[in-house]
Amino acid sequence: MSDTSEKLSKLKGTAIQQLSECGIASVDHERLDAMVNRLKTVVDNLDATLVSVSDESELETVRRNFVQKTLGVSDKDKGMAAINAVAGKMSGIHQKSRPAFYYLVQEELS
């Protein structure tokens, strides 16, 4: 297994653990794998694999790049409401995994 594959596998494991902590009992692994694989070019950058909910510009980037561009939700208020709801769900987790955060945002908007 390559170094990148190992890092992606670890990232997925962390995401699964965090999703479990947030009450997700049955993870859609295909969907989570897609979210993890989107980070393969930045997996060496710890900051890029985490979401800082205390940084408003970071949350706006999540809204614009994931909620709007990837999920197709153009309603800014609806997108930010989902992001803020997930930030609340993950409030007890210090380093929020980006794949877990995105997974929960997508769940929130479903």
Protein backbone atom coordinates (compact mmCIF):
# COMPACT_ATOMS: atom_id res chain seq x y z
CA MET A 1 0.00 0.00 0.00
CA SER A 2 1.40 3.39 -0.97
CA ASP A 3 1.97 6.17 1.53
CA THR A 4 -0.93 8.14 0.05
CA SER A 5 -3.23 5.11 0.25
CA GLU A 6 -2.29 4.60 3.89
CA LYS A 7 -3.01 8.25 4.69
CA LEU A 8 -6.36 8.10 2.90
CA SER A 9 -7.24 4.91 4.76
CA LYS A 10 -6.38 6.57 8.08
CA LEU A 11 -8.43 9.64 7.09
CA LYS A 12 -11.41 7.40 6.33
CA GLY A 13 -10.99 5.61 9.67
CA THR A 14 -10.99 8.94 11.51
CA ALA A 15 -14.09 10.03 9.58
CA ILE A 16 -15.93 6.80 10.45
CA GLN A 17 -15.04 7.25 14.13
CA GLN A 18 -16.27 10.86 14.13
CA LEU A 19 -19.47 9.94 12.29
CA SER A 20 -20.10 7.29 14.92
CA GLU A 21 -19.57 9.87 17.67
CA CYS A 22 -22.21 12.01 15.92
CA GLY A 23 -24.76 9.20 15.92
CA ILE A 24 -24.33 7.79 12.40
CA ALA A 25 -24.65 4.04 12.91
CA SER A 26 -24.62 2.96 9.27
CA VAL A 27 -22.12 4.78 7.06
CA ASP A 28 -22.55 4.79 3.27
CA HIS A 29 -18.97 3.74 2.48
CA GLU A 30 -19.28 4.48 -1.23
CA ARG A 31 -20.24 8.10 -0.50
CA LEU A 32 -17.57 8.44 2.20
CA ASP A 33 -14.91 6.97 -0.11
CA ALA A 34 -15.77 9.58 -2.73
CA MET A 35 -15.32 12.35 -0.15
CA VAL A 36 -12.02 10.91 1.09
CA ASN A 37 -10.68 10.43 -2.45
CA ARG A 38 -11.36 14.08 -3.25
CA LEU A 39 -8.62 14.89 -0.72
CA LYS A 40 -5.90 12.66 -2.19
CA THR A 41 -3.96 15.62 -3.60
CA VAL A 42 -3.90 17.41 -0.23
CA VAL A 43 -3.76 14.45 2.18
CA ASP A 44 -0.23 15.49 3.24
CA ASN A 45 -1.55 18.86 4.46
CA LEU A 46 -3.23 18.31 7.84
CA ASP A 47 -5.04 21.67 7.70
CA ALA A 48 -6.62 20.74 4.37
CA THR A 49 -8.08 17.54 5.83
CA LEU A 50 -9.74 19.37 8.73
CA VAL A 51 -12.53 21.94 9.01
CA SER A 52 -12.08 24.88 11.36
CA VAL A 53 -15.59 25.87 12.43
CA SER A 54 -14.27 28.91 14.31
CA ASP A 55 -13.06 30.45 11.02
CA GLU A 56 -15.93 32.16 9.19
CA SER A 57 -13.98 32.28 5.91
CA GLU A 58 -13.44 28.51 6.15
CA LEU A 59 -17.18 27.94 6.60
CA GLU A 60 -17.92 30.19 3.62
CA THR A 61 -15.43 28.17 1.57
CA VAL A 62 -17.21 24.95 2.59
CA ARG A 63 -20.52 26.49 1.57
CA ARG A 64 -19.26 27.76 -1.76
CA ASN A 65 -17.04 24.83 -2.81
CA PHE A 66 -18.93 21.88 -1.36
CA VAL A 67 -22.52 22.87 -0.70
CA GLN A 68 -22.98 25.05 -3.78
CA LYS A 69 -20.60 23.57 -6.37
CA THR A 70 -20.68 19.89 -5.40
CA LEU A 71 -24.15 19.47 -3.93
CA GLY A 72 -25.82 22.12 -6.10
CA VAL A 73 -27.49 23.95 -3.20
CA SER A 74 -27.43 27.62 -4.20
CA ASP A 75 -29.57 28.91 -1.30
CA LYS A 76 -26.88 30.52 0.85
CA ASP A 77 -28.99 30.57 4.04
CA LYS A 78 -29.96 26.91 3.67
CA GLY A 79 -26.33 25.94 3.07
CA MET A 80 -25.03 27.90 6.05
CA ALA A 81 -27.82 26.53 8.26
CA ALA A 82 -26.70 22.98 7.40
CA ILE A 83 -23.04 23.85 8.02
CA ASN A 84 -23.85 25.45 11.38
CA ALA A 85 -26.00 22.45 12.38
CA VAL A 86 -23.10 20.10 11.62
CA ALA A 87 -20.68 22.37 13.52
CA GLY A 88 -23.01 21.97 16.51
CA LYS A 89 -23.18 18.18 16.12
CA MET A 90 -19.40 17.99 15.99
CA SER A 91 -18.77 20.52 18.76
CA GLY A 92 -17.25 17.89 21.06
CA ILE A 93 -14.68 16.86 18.44
CA HIS A 94 -11.51 18.96 18.51
CA GLN A 95 -10.13 18.21 15.03
CA LYS A 96 -13.07 17.86 12.67
CA SER A 97 -12.35 15.55 9.75
CA ARG A 98 -13.31 17.18 6.45
CA PRO A 99 -14.84 13.96 5.01
CA ALA A 100 -16.94 13.47 8.17
CA PHE A 101 -17.99 17.13 8.14
CA TYR A 102 -18.97 16.98 4.45
CA TYR A 103 -20.81 13.69 4.99
CA LEU A 104 -22.87 15.23 7.77
CA VAL A 105 -23.56 18.39 5.75
CA GLN A 106 -24.83 16.24 2.90
CA GLU A 107 -27.01 14.29 5.37
CA GLU A 108 -28.35 17.56 6.75
CA LEU A 109 -29.31 18.77 3.28
CA SER A 110 -30.93 15.47 2.20
